[in-house]
Amino acid sequence: MAMEATIRQQIISLLREEELEARDLSGLLSIPEKEVYPHLEHIERSLGREGGRLLIRPCQCLSCGSSSRKGTVSPSPDAARSVVPPASVPRPTG
């Protein structure tokens, strides 16, 4: 009997195949996007202990350049109407 992979194992497997955004992971795994970020933080720590790496690109305000790893940016007055892209997550290395 084969065991079903955990959410974190599924995320690692998906990211080894291609670079994905948190929003993409959310859709592929049928979990809310806000739940993806804690999983990524845990995966980042776990891979680090094993000598691997997970690179997380911060999202960035297109107007003022402020950034955040959580997928949201507090907009500046100039950025109130700017589109903020979600965090992009390159595949793990190692």
PDB file of N, CA and C in Angstrom:
ATOM      1  N   MET A   1       0.843  -1.172   0.000  1.00  0.00           N
ATOM      2  CA  MET A   1       0.000   0.000   0.000  1.00  0.00           C
ATOM      3  C   MET A   1       0.897   1.247   0.000  1.00  0.00           C
ATOM      4  N   ALA A   2       0.734   2.091  -0.981  1.00  0.00           N
ATOM      5  CA  ALA A   2       1.557   3.296  -1.101  1.00  0.00           C
ATOM      6  C   ALA A   2       0.986   4.404  -0.223  1.00  0.00           C
ATOM      7  N   MET A   3       1.885   5.122   0.454  1.00  0.00           N
ATOM      8  CA  MET A   3       1.458   6.247   1.286  1.00  0.00           C
ATOM      9  C   MET A   3       1.277   7.472   0.397  1.00  0.00           C
ATOM     10  N   GLU A   4       0.270   8.272   0.709  1.00  0.00           N
ATOM     11  CA  GLU A   4       0.036   9.506  -0.036  1.00  0.00           C
ATOM     12  C   GLU A   4       1.034  10.563   0.429  1.00  0.00           C
ATOM     13  N   ALA A   5       1.569  11.327  -0.511  1.00  0.00           N
ATOM     14  CA  ALA A   5       2.553  12.367  -0.186  1.00  0.00           C
ATOM     15  C   ALA A   5       1.895  13.491   0.606  1.00  0.00           C
ATOM     16  N   THR A   6       2.656  14.074   1.543  1.00  0.00           N
ATOM     17  CA  THR A   6       2.164  15.211   2.307  1.00  0.00           C
ATOM     18  C   THR A   6       2.125  16.450   1.409  1.00  0.00           C
ATOM     19  N   ILE A   7       1.465  17.489   1.881  1.00  0.00           N
ATOM     20  CA  ILE A   7       1.413  18.751   1.130  1.00  0.00           C
ATOM     21  C   ILE A   7       2.826  19.230   0.846  1.00  0.00           C
ATOM     22  N   ARG A   8       3.706  19.189   1.866  1.00  0.00           N
ATOM     23  CA  ARG A   8       5.084  19.678   1.679  1.00  0.00           C
ATOM     24  C   ARG A   8       5.842  18.827   0.683  1.00  0.00           C
ATOM     25  N   GLN A   9       5.654  17.525   0.710  1.00  0.00           N
ATOM     26  CA  GLN A   9       6.307  16.662  -0.268  1.00  0.00           C
ATOM     27  C   GLN A   9       5.798  16.968  -1.679  1.00  0.00           C
ATOM     28  N   GLN A  10       4.507  17.240  -1.787  1.00  0.00           N
ATOM     29  CA  GLN A  10       3.933  17.590  -3.092  1.00  0.00           C
ATOM     30  C   GLN A  10       4.501  18.915  -3.599  1.00  0.00           C
ATOM     31  N   ILE A  11       4.643  19.892  -2.700  1.00  0.00           N
ATOM     32  CA  ILE A  11       5.208  21.189  -3.087  1.00  0.00           C
ATOM     33  C   ILE A  11       6.631  21.001  -3.594  1.00  0.00           C
ATOM     34  N   ILE A  12       7.447  20.258  -2.856  1.00  0.00           N
ATOM     35  CA  ILE A  12       8.833  20.019  -3.274  1.00  0.00           C
ATOM     36  C   ILE A  12       8.864  19.351  -4.641  1.00  0.00           C
ATOM     37  N   SER A  13       8.035  18.351  -4.837  1.00  0.00           N
ATOM     38  CA  SER A  13       7.988  17.645  -6.116  1.00  0.00           C
ATOM     39  C   SER A  13       7.610  18.589  -7.258  1.00  0.00           C
ATOM     40  N   LEU A  14       6.593  19.413  -7.043  1.00  0.00           N
ATOM     41  CA  LEU A  14       6.180  20.371  -8.075  1.00  0.00           C
ATOM     42  C   LEU A  14       7.278  21.376  -8.390  1.00  0.00           C
ATOM     43  N   LEU A  15       7.968  21.855  -7.350  1.00  0.00           N
ATOM     44  CA  LEU A  15       9.001  22.878  -7.559  1.00  0.00           C
ATOM     45  C   LEU A  15      10.261  22.309  -8.184  1.00  0.00           C
ATOM     46  N   ARG A  16      10.468  21.029  -8.067  1.00  0.00           N
ATOM     47  CA  ARG A  16      11.616  20.408  -8.741  1.00  0.00           C
ATOM     48  C   ARG A  16      11.374  20.310 -10.237  1.00  0.00           C
ATOM     49  N   GLU A  17      10.102  20.319 -10.629  1.00  0.00           N
ATOM     50  CA  GLU A  17       9.748  20.237 -12.047  1.00  0.00           C
ATOM     51  C   GLU A  17       9.794  21.594 -12.732  1.00  0.00           C
ATOM     52  N   GLU A  18       9.327  22.654 -12.021  1.00  0.00           N
ATOM     53  CA  GLU A  18       9.279  23.980 -12.642  1.00  0.00           C
ATOM     54  C   GLU A  18       9.136  25.068 -11.583  1.00  0.00           C
ATOM     55  N   GLU A  19       9.481  26.276 -11.959  1.00  0.00           N
ATOM     56  CA  GLU A  19       9.304  27.436 -11.086  1.00  0.00           C
ATOM     57  C   GLU A  19       7.822  27.790 -11.054  1.00  0.00           C
ATOM     58  N   LEU A  20       7.291  27.951  -9.852  1.00  0.00           N
ATOM     59  CA  LEU A  20       5.869  28.246  -9.694  1.00  0.00           C
ATOM     60  C   LEU A  20       5.656  29.395  -8.731  1.00  0.00           C
ATOM     61  N   GLU A  21       4.559  30.098  -8.896  1.00  0.00           N
ATOM     62  CA  GLU A  21       4.161  31.135  -7.960  1.00  0.00           C
ATOM     63  C   GLU A  21       3.311  30.493  -6.867  1.00  0.00           C
ATOM     64  N   ALA A  22       3.244  31.155  -5.723  1.00  0.00           N
ATOM     65  CA  ALA A  22       2.447  30.652  -4.608  1.00  0.00           C
ATOM     66  C   ALA A  22       1.001  30.441  -5.046  1.00  0.00           C
ATOM     67  N   ARG A  23       0.490  31.334  -5.867  1.00  0.00           N
ATOM     68  CA  ARG A  23      -0.885  31.213  -6.372  1.00  0.00           C
ATOM     69  C   ARG A  23      -1.047  29.928  -7.178  1.00  0.00           C
ATOM     70  N   ASP A  24      -0.034  29.577  -7.982  1.00  0.00           N
ATOM     71  CA  ASP A  24      -0.088  28.343  -8.765  1.00  0.00           C
ATOM     72  C   ASP A  24      -0.101  27.120  -7.851  1.00  0.00           C
ATOM     73  N   LEU A  25       0.776  27.129  -6.835  1.00  0.00           N
ATOM     74  CA  LEU A  25       0.822  26.019  -5.883  1.00  0.00           C
ATOM     75  C   LEU A  25      -0.523  25.859  -5.190  1.00  0.00           C
ATOM     76  N   SER A  26      -1.115  26.968  -4.818  1.00  0.00           N
ATOM     77  CA  SER A  26      -2.421  26.957  -4.167  1.00  0.00           C
ATOM     78  C   SER A  26      -3.450  26.247  -5.041  1.00  0.00           C
ATOM     79  N   GLY A  27      -3.499  26.603  -6.300  1.00  0.00           N
ATOM     80  CA  GLY A  27      -4.456  25.988  -7.217  1.00  0.00           C
ATOM     81  C   GLY A  27      -4.190  24.522  -7.470  1.00  0.00           C
ATOM     82  N   LEU A  28      -2.927  24.178  -7.667  1.00  0.00           N
ATOM     83  CA  LEU A  28      -2.562  22.789  -7.948  1.00  0.00           C
ATOM     84  C   LEU A  28      -2.842  21.866  -6.763  1.00  0.00           C
ATOM     85  N   LEU A  29      -2.681  22.401  -5.550  1.00  0.00           N
ATOM     86  CA  LEU A  29      -2.843  21.584  -4.344  1.00  0.00           C
ATOM     87  C   LEU A  29      -4.200  21.768  -3.673  1.00  0.00           C
ATOM     88  N   SER A  30      -5.022  22.640  -4.223  1.00  0.00           N
ATOM     89  CA  SER A  30      -6.358  22.920  -3.668  1.00  0.00           C
ATOM     90  C   SER A  30      -6.309  23.350  -2.200  1.00  0.00           C
ATOM     91  N   ILE A  31      -5.365  24.260  -1.909  1.00  0.00           N
ATOM     92  CA  ILE A  31      -5.278  24.851  -0.569  1.00  0.00           C
ATOM     93  C   ILE A  31      -5.278  26.366  -0.727  1.00  0.00           C
ATOM     94  N   PRO A  32      -5.704  27.108   0.299  1.00  0.00           N
ATOM     95  CA  PRO A  32      -5.670  28.568   0.195  1.00  0.00           C
ATOM     96  C   PRO A  32      -4.237  29.078   0.033  1.00  0.00           C
ATOM     97  N   GLU A  33      -4.077  30.135  -0.743  1.00  0.00           N
ATOM     98  CA  GLU A  33      -2.744  30.691  -0.979  1.00  0.00           C
ATOM     99  C   GLU A  33      -2.055  31.060   0.327  1.00  0.00           C
ATOM    100  N   LYS A  34      -2.809  31.588   1.295  1.00  0.00           N
ATOM    101  CA  LYS A  34      -2.200  31.986   2.567  1.00  0.00           C
ATOM    102  C   LYS A  34      -1.609  30.789   3.318  1.00  0.00           C
ATOM    103  N   GLU A  35      -2.045  29.565   3.010  1.00  0.00           N
ATOM    104  CA  GLU A  35      -1.472  28.374   3.643  1.00  0.00           C
ATOM    105  C   GLU A  35      -0.185  27.922   2.966  1.00  0.00           C
ATOM    106  N   VAL A  36       0.067  28.391   1.754  1.00  0.00           N
ATOM    107  CA  VAL A  36       1.281  27.997   1.026  1.00  0.00           C
ATOM    108  C   VAL A  36       2.524  28.548   1.718  1.00  0.00           C
ATOM    109  N   TYR A  37       2.465  29.795   2.196  1.00  0.00           N
ATOM    110  CA  TYR A  37       3.652  30.459   2.739  1.00  0.00           C
ATOM    111  C   TYR A  37       4.248  29.764   3.956  1.00  0.00           C
ATOM    112  N   PRO A  38       3.463  29.336   4.950  1.00  0.00           N
ATOM    113  CA  PRO A  38       4.070  28.601   6.072  1.00  0.00           C
ATOM    114  C   PRO A  38       4.729  27.297   5.626  1.00  0.00           C
ATOM    115  N   HIS A  39       4.115  26.621   4.634  1.00  0.00           N
ATOM    116  CA  HIS A  39       4.725  25.403   4.109  1.00  0.00           C
ATOM    117  C   HIS A  39       6.083  25.715   3.466  1.00  0.00           C
ATOM    118  N   LEU A  40       6.143  26.802   2.700  1.00  0.00           N
ATOM    119  CA  LEU A  40       7.403  27.182   2.048  1.00  0.00           C
ATOM    120  C   LEU A  40       8.478  27.510   3.072  1.00  0.00           C
ATOM    121  N   GLU A  41       8.098  28.197   4.150  1.00  0.00           N
ATOM    122  CA  GLU A  41       9.072  28.527   5.196  1.00  0.00           C
ATOM    123  C   GLU A  41       9.605  27.257   5.849  1.00  0.00           C
ATOM    124  N   HIS A  42       8.746  26.286   6.081  1.00  0.00           N
ATOM    125  CA  HIS A  42       9.177  25.020   6.679  1.00  0.00           C
ATOM    126  C   HIS A  42      10.072  24.245   5.715  1.00  0.00           C
ATOM    127  N   ILE A  43       9.678  24.207   4.449  1.00  0.00           N
ATOM    128  CA  ILE A  43      10.480  23.523   3.432  1.00  0.00           C
ATOM    129  C   ILE A  43      11.855  24.166   3.325  1.00  0.00           C
ATOM    130  N   GLU A  44      11.902  25.490   3.368  1.00  0.00           N
ATOM    131  CA  GLU A  44      13.175  26.219   3.293  1.00  0.00           C
ATOM    132  C   GLU A  44      14.102  25.788   4.430  1.00  0.00           C
ATOM    133  N   ARG A  45      13.568  25.701   5.652  1.00  0.00           N
ATOM    134  CA  ARG A  45      14.380  25.270   6.806  1.00  0.00           C
ATOM    135  C   ARG A  45      14.806  23.808   6.672  1.00  0.00           C
ATOM    136  N   SER A  46      13.883  22.953   6.275  1.00  0.00           N
ATOM    137  CA  SER A  46      14.178  21.526   6.146  1.00  0.00           C
ATOM    138  C   SER A  46      15.251  21.262   5.095  1.00  0.00           C
ATOM    139  N   LEU A  47      15.117  21.905   3.946  1.00  0.00           N
ATOM    140  CA  LEU A  47      16.113  21.717   2.892  1.00  0.00           C
ATOM    141  C   LEU A  47      17.478  22.252   3.329  1.00  0.00           C
ATOM    142  N   GLY A  48      17.471  23.345   4.091  1.00  0.00           N
ATOM    143  CA  GLY A  48      18.728  23.910   4.591  1.00  0.00           C
ATOM    144  C   GLY A  48      19.466  22.934   5.494  1.00  0.00           C
ATOM    145  N   ARG A  49      18.722  22.218   6.327  1.00  0.00           N
ATOM    146  CA  ARG A  49      19.339  21.221   7.208  1.00  0.00           C
ATOM    147  C   ARG A  49      19.924  20.066   6.409  1.00  0.00           C
ATOM    148  N   GLU A  50      19.362  19.802   5.241  1.00  0.00           N
ATOM    149  CA  GLU A  50      19.824  18.703   4.397  1.00  0.00           C
ATOM    150  C   GLU A  50      20.877  19.156   3.386  1.00  0.00           C
ATOM    151  N   GLY A  51      21.261  20.424   3.441  1.00  0.00           N
ATOM    152  CA  GLY A  51      22.258  20.951   2.512  1.00  0.00           C
ATOM    153  C   GLY A  51      21.663  21.463   1.212  1.00  0.00           C
ATOM    154  N   GLY A  52      20.343  21.503   1.096  1.00  0.00           N
ATOM    155  CA  GLY A  52      19.685  22.022  -0.106  1.00  0.00           C
ATOM    156  C   GLY A  52      19.261  23.466   0.109  1.00  0.00           C
ATOM    157  N   ARG A  53      18.595  24.019  -0.893  1.00  0.00           N
ATOM    158  CA  ARG A  53      18.118  25.406  -0.806  1.00  0.00           C
ATOM    159  C   ARG A  53      16.785  25.548  -1.502  1.00  0.00           C
ATOM    160  N   LEU A  54      15.985  26.433  -0.976  1.00  0.00           N
ATOM    161  CA  LEU A  54      14.749  26.848  -1.627  1.00  0.00           C
ATOM    162  C   LEU A  54      14.841  28.353  -1.756  1.00  0.00           C
ATOM    163  N   LEU A  55      14.773  28.844  -2.963  1.00  0.00           N
ATOM    164  CA  LEU A  55      14.858  30.282  -3.198  1.00  0.00           C
ATOM    165  C   LEU A  55      13.458  30.833  -3.368  1.00  0.00           C
ATOM    166  N   ILE A  56      13.128  31.842  -2.569  1.00  0.00           N
ATOM    167  CA  ILE A  56      11.817  32.471  -2.658  1.00  0.00           C
ATOM    168  C   ILE A  56      12.016  33.914  -3.096  1.00  0.00           C
ATOM    169  N   ARG A  57      11.495  34.234  -4.250  1.00  0.00           N
ATOM    170  CA  ARG A  57      11.571  35.610  -4.730  1.00  0.00           C
ATOM    171  C   ARG A  57      10.471  36.421  -4.072  1.00  0.00           C
ATOM    172  N   PRO A  58      10.798  37.575  -3.523  1.00  0.00           N
ATOM    173  CA  PRO A  58       9.746  38.404  -2.921  1.00  0.00           C
ATOM    174  C   PRO A  58       8.879  39.044  -3.994  1.00  0.00           C
ATOM    175  N   CYS A  59       7.617  39.285  -3.653  1.00  0.00           N
ATOM    176  CA  CYS A  59       6.787  40.067  -4.556  1.00  0.00           C
ATOM    177  C   CYS A  59       7.229  41.517  -4.418  1.00  0.00           C
ATOM    178  N   GLN A  60       6.945  42.310  -5.397  1.00  0.00           N
ATOM    179  CA  GLN A  60       7.421  43.695  -5.384  1.00  0.00           C
ATOM    180  C   GLN A  60       6.364  44.622  -5.965  1.00  0.00           C
ATOM    181  N   CYS A  61       6.180  45.758  -5.308  1.00  0.00           N
ATOM    182  CA  CYS A  61       5.265  46.781  -5.811  1.00  0.00           C
ATOM    183  C   CYS A  61       5.831  47.326  -7.118  1.00  0.00           C
ATOM    184  N   LEU A  62       5.009  47.359  -8.151  1.00  0.00           N
ATOM    185  CA  LEU A  62       5.476  47.830  -9.458  1.00  0.00           C
ATOM    186  C   LEU A  62       5.706  49.330  -9.491  1.00  0.00           C
ATOM    187  N   SER A  63       5.117  50.062  -8.546  1.00  0.00           N
ATOM    188  CA  SER A  63       5.250  51.509  -8.535  1.00  0.00           C
ATOM    189  C   SER A  63       6.438  51.983  -7.705  1.00  0.00           C
ATOM    190  N   CYS A  64       6.502  51.548  -6.426  1.00  0.00           N
ATOM    191  CA  CYS A  64       7.534  52.105  -5.540  1.00  0.00           C
ATOM    192  C   CYS A  64       8.671  51.136  -5.256  1.00  0.00           C
ATOM    193  N   GLY A  65       8.516  49.856  -5.596  1.00  0.00           N
ATOM    194  CA  GLY A  65       9.593  48.896  -5.411  1.00  0.00           C
ATOM    195  C   GLY A  65       9.626  48.224  -4.047  1.00  0.00           C
ATOM    196  N   SER A  66       8.694  48.534  -3.119  1.00  0.00           N
ATOM    197  CA  SER A  66       8.714  47.859  -1.824  1.00  0.00           C
ATOM    198  C   SER A  66       8.399  46.383  -2.041  1.00  0.00           C
ATOM    199  N   SER A  67       8.911  45.525  -1.153  1.00  0.00           N
ATOM    200  CA  SER A  67       8.749  44.094  -1.369  1.00  0.00           C
ATOM    201  C   SER A  67       8.410  43.365  -0.078  1.00  0.00           C
ATOM    202  N   SER A  68       7.939  42.120  -0.265  1.00  0.00           N
ATOM    203  CA  SER A  68       7.559  41.270   0.851  1.00  0.00           C
ATOM    204  C   SER A  68       7.656  39.819   0.429  1.00  0.00           C
ATOM    205  N   ARG A  69       8.063  38.943   1.357  1.00  0.00           N
ATOM    206  CA  ARG A  69       8.096  37.507   1.071  1.00  0.00           C
ATOM    207  C   ARG A  69       6.735  36.862   1.278  1.00  0.00           C
ATOM    208  N   LYS A  70       5.798  37.535   1.874  1.00  0.00           N
ATOM    209  CA  LYS A  70       4.510  36.935   2.201  1.00  0.00           C
ATOM    210  C   LYS A  70       3.482  37.039   1.078  1.00  0.00           C
ATOM    211  N   GLY A  71       3.816  37.666  -0.022  1.00  0.00           N
ATOM    212  CA  GLY A  71       2.884  37.752  -1.132  1.00  0.00           C
ATOM    213  C   GLY A  71       2.038  39.003  -1.155  1.00  0.00           C
ATOM    214  N   THR A  72       2.195  39.867  -0.155  1.00  0.00           N
ATOM    215  CA  THR A  72       1.472  41.131  -0.152  1.00  0.00           C
ATOM    216  C   THR A  72       2.452  42.236   0.198  1.00  0.00           C
ATOM    217  N   VAL A  73       2.184  43.419  -0.272  1.00  0.00           N
ATOM    218  CA  VAL A  73       3.027  44.578   0.000  1.00  0.00           C
ATOM    219  C   VAL A  73       2.122  45.684   0.497  1.00  0.00           C
ATOM    220  N   SER A  74       2.517  46.361   1.573  1.00  0.00           N
ATOM    221  CA  SER A  74       1.764  47.531   2.018  1.00  0.00           C
ATOM    222  C   SER A  74       2.032  48.638   1.018  1.00  0.00           C
ATOM    223  N   PRO A  75       1.018  49.078   0.301  1.00  0.00           N
ATOM    224  CA  PRO A  75       1.255  50.037  -0.772  1.00  0.00           C
ATOM    225  C   PRO A  75       1.594  51.427  -0.260  1.00  0.00           C
ATOM    226  N   SER A  76       2.474  52.074  -0.985  1.00  0.00           N
ATOM    227  CA  SER A  76       2.763  53.482  -0.734  1.00  0.00           C
ATOM    228  C   SER A  76       1.621  54.287  -1.351  1.00  0.00           C
ATOM    229  N   PRO A  77       1.522  55.582  -1.042  1.00  0.00           N
ATOM    230  CA  PRO A  77       0.456  56.378  -1.686  1.00  0.00           C
ATOM    231  C   PRO A  77       0.513  56.321  -3.203  1.00  0.00           C
ATOM    232  N   ASP A  78       1.731  56.270  -3.765  1.00  0.00           N
ATOM    233  CA  ASP A  78       1.873  56.201  -5.226  1.00  0.00           C
ATOM    234  C   ASP A  78       1.486  54.828  -5.762  1.00  0.00           C
ATOM    235  N   ALA A  79       1.570  53.805  -4.894  1.00  0.00           N
ATOM    236  CA  ALA A  79       1.355  52.438  -5.351  1.00  0.00           C
ATOM    237  C   ALA A  79      -0.051  51.938  -5.096  1.00  0.00           C
ATOM    238  N   ALA A  80      -0.927  52.763  -4.611  1.00  0.00           N
ATOM    239  CA  ALA A  80      -2.270  52.319  -4.223  1.00  0.00           C
ATOM    240  C   ALA A  80      -3.007  51.599  -5.350  1.00  0.00           C
ATOM    241  N   ARG A  81      -2.737  51.951  -6.584  1.00  0.00           N
ATOM    242  CA  ARG A  81      -3.437  51.314  -7.701  1.00  0.00           C
ATOM    243  C   ARG A  81      -2.535  50.373  -8.499  1.00  0.00           C
ATOM    244  N   SER A  82      -1.326  50.112  -8.011  1.00  0.00           N
ATOM    245  CA  SER A  82      -0.402  49.236  -8.726  1.00  0.00           C
ATOM    246  C   SER A  82      -0.766  47.777  -8.528  1.00  0.00           C
ATOM    247  N   VAL A  83      -0.441  46.979  -9.500  1.00  0.00           N
ATOM    248  CA  VAL A  83      -0.612  45.538  -9.392  1.00  0.00           C
ATOM    249  C   VAL A  83       0.589  44.981  -8.648  1.00  0.00           C
ATOM    250  N   VAL A  84       0.349  44.120  -7.686  1.00  0.00           N
ATOM    251  CA  VAL A  84       1.435  43.514  -6.917  1.00  0.00           C
ATOM    252  C   VAL A  84       1.502  42.039  -7.290  1.00  0.00           C
ATOM    253  N   PRO A  85       2.581  41.602  -7.960  1.00  0.00           N
ATOM    254  CA  PRO A  85       2.680  40.205  -8.340  1.00  0.00           C
ATOM    255  C   PRO A  85       2.925  39.322  -7.118  1.00  0.00           C
ATOM    256  N   PRO A  86       2.412  38.090  -7.112  1.00  0.00           N
ATOM    257  CA  PRO A  86       2.651  37.197  -5.987  1.00  0.00           C
ATOM    258  C   PRO A  86       4.093  36.739  -5.956  1.00  0.00           C
ATOM    259  N   ALA A  87       4.499  36.195  -4.816  1.00  0.00           N
ATOM    260  CA  ALA A  87       5.856  35.668  -4.683  1.00  0.00           C
ATOM    261  C   ALA A  87       6.067  34.547  -5.690  1.00  0.00           C
ATOM    262  N   SER A  88       7.229  34.489  -6.253  1.00  0.00           N
ATOM    263  CA  SER A  88       7.598  33.449  -7.187  1.00  0.00           C
ATOM    264  C   SER A  88       8.589  32.523  -6.516  1.00  0.00           C
ATOM    265  N   VAL A  89       8.441  31.246  -6.702  1.00  0.00           N
ATOM    266  CA  VAL A  89       9.246  30.288  -5.971  1.00  0.00           C
ATOM    267  C   VAL A  89      10.021  29.414  -6.938  1.00  0.00           C
ATOM    268  N   PRO A  90      11.344  29.626  -7.066  1.00  0.00           N
ATOM    269  CA  PRO A  90      12.140  28.754  -7.931  1.00  0.00           C
ATOM    270  C   PRO A  90      12.248  27.355  -7.340  1.00  0.00           C
ATOM    271  N   ARG A  91      12.579  26.396  -8.168  1.00  0.00           N
ATOM    272  CA  ARG A  91      12.707  25.019  -7.689  1.00  0.00           C
ATOM    273  C   ARG A  91      13.837  24.877  -6.683  1.00  0.00           C
ATOM    274  N   PRO A  92      13.707  23.934  -5.740  1.00  0.00           N
ATOM    275  CA  PRO A  92      14.768  23.718  -4.757  1.00  0.00           C
ATOM    276  C   PRO A  92      16.019  23.180  -5.431  1.00  0.00           C
ATOM    277  N   THR A  93      17.173  23.502  -4.877  1.00  0.00           N
ATOM    278  CA  THR A  93      18.430  22.977  -5.377  1.00  0.00           C
ATOM    279  C   THR A  93      19.015  22.061  -4.326  1.00  0.00           C
ATOM    280  N   GLY A  94      19.820  21.141  -4.757  1.00  0.00           N
ATOM    281  CA  GLY A  94      20.493  20.286  -3.771  1.00  0.00           C
ATOM    282  C   GLY A  94      20.098  18.887  -3.790  1.00  0.00           C
TER     283      GLY A  94
END
